[in-house]
PDB file of N, CA and C in Angstrom:
ATOM      1  N   UNK A   1      10.967  -4.539  -3.075  1.00  0.00           N
ATOM      2  CA  UNK A   1      11.294  -2.714  -2.244  1.00  0.00           C
ATOM      3  C   UNK A   1      10.176  -2.045  -0.968  1.00  0.00           C
ATOM      4  N   UNK A   2      10.844  -2.433  -0.805  1.00  0.00           N
ATOM      5  CA  UNK A   2      10.238  -2.224   1.453  1.00  0.00           C
ATOM      6  C   UNK A   2       9.547  -0.671   0.934  1.00  0.00           C
ATOM      7  N   UNK A   3       8.365  -0.460   1.339  1.00  0.00           N
ATOM      8  CA  UNK A   3       8.124   1.109   1.629  1.00  0.00           C
ATOM      9  C   UNK A   3       7.562   1.152   3.325  1.00  0.00           C
ATOM     10  N   UNK A   4       7.571   2.588   3.571  1.00  0.00           N
ATOM     11  CA  UNK A   4       6.611   3.053   4.418  1.00  0.00           C
ATOM     12  C   UNK A   4       6.066   4.129   4.441  1.00  0.00           C
ATOM     13  N   UNK A   5       5.004   3.692   5.020  1.00  0.00           N
ATOM     14  CA  UNK A   5       3.656   5.058   5.285  1.00  0.00           C
ATOM     15  C   UNK A   5       3.502   5.471   6.453  1.00  0.00           C
ATOM     16  N   UNK A   6       3.425   6.381   6.771  1.00  0.00           N
ATOM     17  CA  UNK A   6       2.611   7.409   8.251  1.00  0.00           C
ATOM     18  C   UNK A   6       2.237   7.394   8.021  1.00  0.00           C
ATOM     19  N   UNK A   7       0.897   6.828   9.292  1.00  0.00           N
ATOM     20  CA  UNK A   7      -0.385   6.690   9.242  1.00  0.00           C
ATOM     21  C   UNK A   7      -1.245   7.575  10.761  1.00  0.00           C
ATOM     22  N   UNK A   8      -2.096   7.476  11.325  1.00  0.00           N
ATOM     23  CA  UNK A   8      -2.542   8.288  12.909  1.00  0.00           C
ATOM     24  C   UNK A   8      -1.894   7.424  13.863  1.00  0.00           C
ATOM     25  N   UNK A   9      -1.632   6.257  13.144  1.00  0.00           N
ATOM     26  CA  UNK A   9      -1.377   4.762  14.441  1.00  0.00           C
ATOM     27  C   UNK A   9       0.578   5.265  14.559  1.00  0.00           C
ATOM     28  N   UNK A  10       0.943   5.386  13.329  1.00  0.00           N
ATOM     29  CA  UNK A  10       2.301   5.376  13.380  1.00  0.00           C
ATOM     30  C   UNK A  10       2.733   5.086  11.300  1.00  0.00           C
ATOM     31  N   UNK A  11       4.159   4.318  12.276  1.00  0.00           N
ATOM     32  CA  UNK A  11       4.360   3.988  10.752  1.00  0.00           C
ATOM     33  C   UNK A  11       3.763   2.642  10.146  1.00  0.00           C
ATOM     34  N   UNK A  12       3.356   2.313   9.040  1.00  0.00           N
ATOM     35  CA  UNK A  12       2.895   0.983   8.328  1.00  0.00           C
ATOM     36  C   UNK A  12       3.920   0.657   7.347  1.00  0.00           C
ATOM     37  N   UNK A  13       5.066  -0.694   7.342  1.00  0.00           N
ATOM     38  CA  UNK A  13       5.906  -1.080   6.538  1.00  0.00           C
ATOM     39  C   UNK A  13       5.135  -2.110   5.595  1.00  0.00           C
ATOM     40  N   UNK A  14       5.061  -2.233   4.648  1.00  0.00           N
ATOM     41  CA  UNK A  14       4.756  -2.942   3.413  1.00  0.00           C
ATOM     42  C   UNK A  14       5.772  -3.607   2.051  1.00  0.00           C
ATOM     43  N   UNK A  15       5.717  -4.599   1.794  1.00  0.00           N
ATOM     44  CA  UNK A  15       6.364  -5.138   0.864  1.00  0.00           C
ATOM     45  C   UNK A  15       5.838  -4.987  -0.452  1.00  0.00           C
ATOM     46  N   UNK A  16       5.870  -4.717  -1.721  1.00  0.00           N
ATOM     47  CA  UNK A  16       5.376  -5.445  -2.902  1.00  0.00           C
ATOM     48  C   UNK A  16       5.713  -6.399  -3.814  1.00  0.00           C
ATOM     49  N   UNK A  17       5.268  -7.654  -3.337  1.00  0.00           N
ATOM     50  CA  UNK A  17       6.672  -9.031  -4.132  1.00  0.00           C
ATOM     51  C   UNK A  17       5.499  -8.632  -5.761  1.00  0.00           C
ATOM     52  N   UNK A  18       4.534  -8.523  -5.922  1.00  0.00           N
ATOM     53  CA  UNK A  18       4.586  -8.808  -7.285  1.00  0.00           C
ATOM     54  C   UNK A  18       4.290  -7.457  -7.751  1.00  0.00           C
ATOM     55  N   UNK A  19       4.336  -7.056  -8.805  1.00  0.00           N
ATOM     56  CA  UNK A  19       3.986  -5.503  -9.494  1.00  0.00           C
ATOM     57  C   UNK A  19       3.113  -5.776 -10.699  1.00  0.00           C
ATOM     58  N   UNK A  20       2.672  -7.866 -10.998  1.00  0.00           N
ATOM     59  CA  UNK A  20       1.469  -7.695 -11.877  1.00  0.00           C
ATOM     60  C   UNK A  20       0.045  -7.519 -11.109  1.00  0.00           C
ATOM     61  N   UNK A  21       0.422  -8.055  -9.978  1.00  0.00           N
ATOM     62  CA  UNK A  21      -1.179  -7.648  -9.116  1.00  0.00           C
ATOM     63  C   UNK A  21      -1.232  -6.391  -8.831  1.00  0.00           C
ATOM     64  N   UNK A  22      -2.061  -5.666  -9.160  1.00  0.00           N
ATOM     65  CA  UNK A  22      -2.085  -4.132  -9.386  1.00  0.00           C
ATOM     66  C   UNK A  22      -2.802  -3.887  -8.196  1.00  0.00           C
ATOM     67  N   UNK A  23      -3.264  -4.356  -7.101  1.00  0.00           N
ATOM     68  CA  UNK A  23      -3.644  -3.827  -5.331  1.00  0.00           C
ATOM     69  C   UNK A  23      -3.163  -5.313  -4.410  1.00  0.00           C
ATOM     70  N   UNK A  24      -3.039  -4.293  -3.158  1.00  0.00           N
ATOM     71  CA  UNK A  24      -2.487  -5.270  -1.732  1.00  0.00           C
ATOM     72  C   UNK A  24      -3.422  -4.863  -1.058  1.00  0.00           C
ATOM     73  N   UNK A  25      -4.269  -5.510  -0.138  1.00  0.00           N
ATOM     74  CA  UNK A  25      -4.590  -4.953   1.342  1.00  0.00           C
ATOM     75  C   UNK A  25      -3.734  -5.207   2.063  1.00  0.00           C
ATOM     76  N   UNK A  26      -3.718  -4.237   3.203  1.00  0.00           N
ATOM     77  CA  UNK A  26      -2.935  -4.411   4.119  1.00  0.00           C
ATOM     78  C   UNK A  26      -3.981  -4.056   5.035  1.00  0.00           C
ATOM     79  N   UNK A  27      -3.933  -5.410   6.340  1.00  0.00           N
ATOM     80  CA  UNK A  27      -4.518  -5.443   7.558  1.00  0.00           C
ATOM     81  C   UNK A  27      -3.564  -4.940   8.821  1.00  0.00           C
ATOM     82  N   UNK A  28      -3.927  -4.143   9.434  1.00  0.00           N
ATOM     83  CA  UNK A  28      -3.097  -3.569  10.817  1.00  0.00           C
ATOM     84  C   UNK A  28      -3.922  -3.316  11.796  1.00  0.00           C
ATOM     85  N   UNK A  29      -3.825  -3.792  12.764  1.00  0.00           N
ATOM     86  CA  UNK A  29      -5.018  -3.714  14.051  1.00  0.00           C
ATOM     87  C   UNK A  29      -6.098  -4.050  13.295  1.00  0.00           C
ATOM     88  N   UNK A  30      -7.015  -2.659  13.928  1.00  0.00           N
ATOM     89  CA  UNK A  30      -8.164  -2.407  13.756  1.00  0.00           C
ATOM     90  C   UNK A  30      -8.394  -1.084  12.277  1.00  0.00           C
ATOM     91  N   UNK A  31      -7.645  -1.205  11.204  1.00  0.00           N
ATOM     92  CA  UNK A  31      -7.519  -0.158  10.044  1.00  0.00           C
ATOM     93  C   UNK A  31      -7.402  -1.498   8.748  1.00  0.00           C
ATOM     94  N   UNK A  32      -7.744  -0.754   7.947  1.00  0.00           N
ATOM     95  CA  UNK A  32      -7.133  -1.784   6.656  1.00  0.00           C
ATOM     96  C   UNK A  32      -6.906  -0.414   5.638  1.00  0.00           C
ATOM     97  N   UNK A  33      -5.661  -0.926   5.037  1.00  0.00           N
ATOM     98  CA  UNK A  33      -5.565  -0.019   3.787  1.00  0.00           C
ATOM     99  C   UNK A  33      -5.787  -0.917   2.513  1.00  0.00           C
ATOM    100  N   UNK A  34      -5.953   0.048   1.756  1.00  0.00           N
ATOM    101  CA  UNK A  34      -5.817  -0.458  -0.052  1.00  0.00           C
ATOM    102  C   UNK A  34      -4.846   0.202  -0.632  1.00  0.00           C
ATOM    103  N   UNK A  35      -3.482  -0.571  -1.201  1.00  0.00           N
ATOM    104  CA  UNK A  35      -2.677  -0.155  -1.916  1.00  0.00           C
ATOM    105  C   UNK A  35      -2.649  -0.058  -3.285  1.00  0.00           C
ATOM    106  N   UNK A  36      -2.715   1.069  -4.252  1.00  0.00           N
ATOM    107  CA  UNK A  36      -2.950   0.545  -6.001  1.00  0.00           C
ATOM    108  C   UNK A  36      -1.784   1.035  -6.291  1.00  0.00           C
ATOM    109  N   UNK A  37      -1.680   0.282  -7.490  1.00  0.00           N
ATOM    110  CA  UNK A  37      -0.674   1.152  -8.410  1.00  0.00           C
ATOM    111  C   UNK A  37      -0.860   1.113  -9.949  1.00  0.00           C
ATOM    112  N   UNK A  38      -0.345   1.968 -10.637  1.00  0.00           N
ATOM    113  CA  UNK A  38      -0.089   1.732 -12.290  1.00  0.00           C
ATOM    114  C   UNK A  38       1.044   1.764 -12.840  1.00  0.00           C
ATOM    115  N   UNK A  39       1.895   1.096 -13.219  1.00  0.00           N
ATOM    116  CA  UNK A  39       2.906   0.971 -14.185  1.00  0.00           C
ATOM    117  C   UNK A  39       2.737   1.816 -15.429  1.00  0.00           C
ATOM    118  N   UNK A  40       2.963   3.054 -15.412  1.00  0.00           N
ATOM    119  CA  UNK A  40       3.120   3.926 -17.051  1.00  0.00           C
ATOM    120  C   UNK A  40       4.517   4.571 -17.422  1.00  0.00           C
ATOM    121  N   UNK A  41       4.955   5.456 -17.636  1.00  0.00           N
ATOM    122  CA  UNK A  41       6.061   5.516 -17.622  1.00  0.00           C
ATOM    123  C   UNK A  41       6.886   6.043 -16.420  1.00  0.00           C
ATOM    124  N   UNK A  42       6.245   6.018 -14.996  1.00  0.00           N
ATOM    125  CA  UNK A  42       6.958   6.193 -13.694  1.00  0.00           C
ATOM    126  C   UNK A  42       5.432   5.249 -13.229  1.00  0.00           C
ATOM    127  N   UNK A  43       5.892   4.607 -11.728  1.00  0.00           N
ATOM    128  CA  UNK A  43       4.878   4.023 -10.523  1.00  0.00           C
ATOM    129  C   UNK A  43       4.422   4.778 -10.081  1.00  0.00           C
ATOM    130  N   UNK A  44       2.966   5.025 -10.019  1.00  0.00           N
ATOM    131  CA  UNK A  44       1.989   5.557  -9.029  1.00  0.00           C
ATOM    132  C   UNK A  44       1.657   4.771  -8.393  1.00  0.00           C
ATOM    133  N   UNK A  45       1.490   5.025  -6.664  1.00  0.00           N
ATOM    134  CA  UNK A  45       1.176   4.360  -6.019  1.00  0.00           C
ATOM    135  C   UNK A  45       0.318   5.090  -4.968  1.00  0.00           C
ATOM    136  N   UNK A  46      -0.878   5.281  -4.883  1.00  0.00           N
ATOM    137  CA  UNK A  46      -1.886   5.094  -4.239  1.00  0.00           C
ATOM    138  C   UNK A  46      -2.356   4.450  -2.911  1.00  0.00           C
ATOM    139  N   UNK A  47      -2.572   5.247  -1.593  1.00  0.00           N
ATOM    140  CA  UNK A  47      -2.699   4.169  -0.114  1.00  0.00           C
ATOM    141  C   UNK A  47      -3.682   4.992  -0.048  1.00  0.00           C
ATOM    142  N   UNK A  48      -5.263   3.958   0.421  1.00  0.00           N
ATOM    143  CA  UNK A  48      -6.478   4.207   0.522  1.00  0.00           C
ATOM    144  C   UNK A  48      -6.440   3.791   1.811  1.00  0.00           C
ATOM    145  N   UNK A  49      -7.536   4.392   2.354  1.00  0.00           N
ATOM    146  CA  UNK A  49      -8.466   3.484   3.698  1.00  0.00           C
ATOM    147  C   UNK A  49      -9.534   2.561   3.126  1.00  0.00           C
ATOM    148  N   UNK A  50      -9.079   1.528   3.723  1.00  0.00           N
ATOM    149  CA  UNK A  50     -10.281   0.640   3.323  1.00  0.00           C
ATOM    150  C   UNK A  50     -11.233   0.509   3.541  1.00  0.00           C
ATOM    151  N   UNK A  51     -12.928   0.789   3.109  1.00  0.00           N
ATOM    152  CA  UNK A  51     -14.034   0.240   4.071  1.00  0.00           C
ATOM    153  C   UNK A  51     -14.536  -1.282   4.105  1.00  0.00           C
TER     154      UNK A  51
END
């Protein structure tokens, strides 16, 4: 299921392929983002600026 995130540079498109892997790192130009998710009653997705 594809998602779209708005950043200072515009929109960031990504797709989570496997829910079993709890994190994915997204590289975009000079920026790097870490997407974390937890599966409980519902899915919680957190987008963090990656250092």
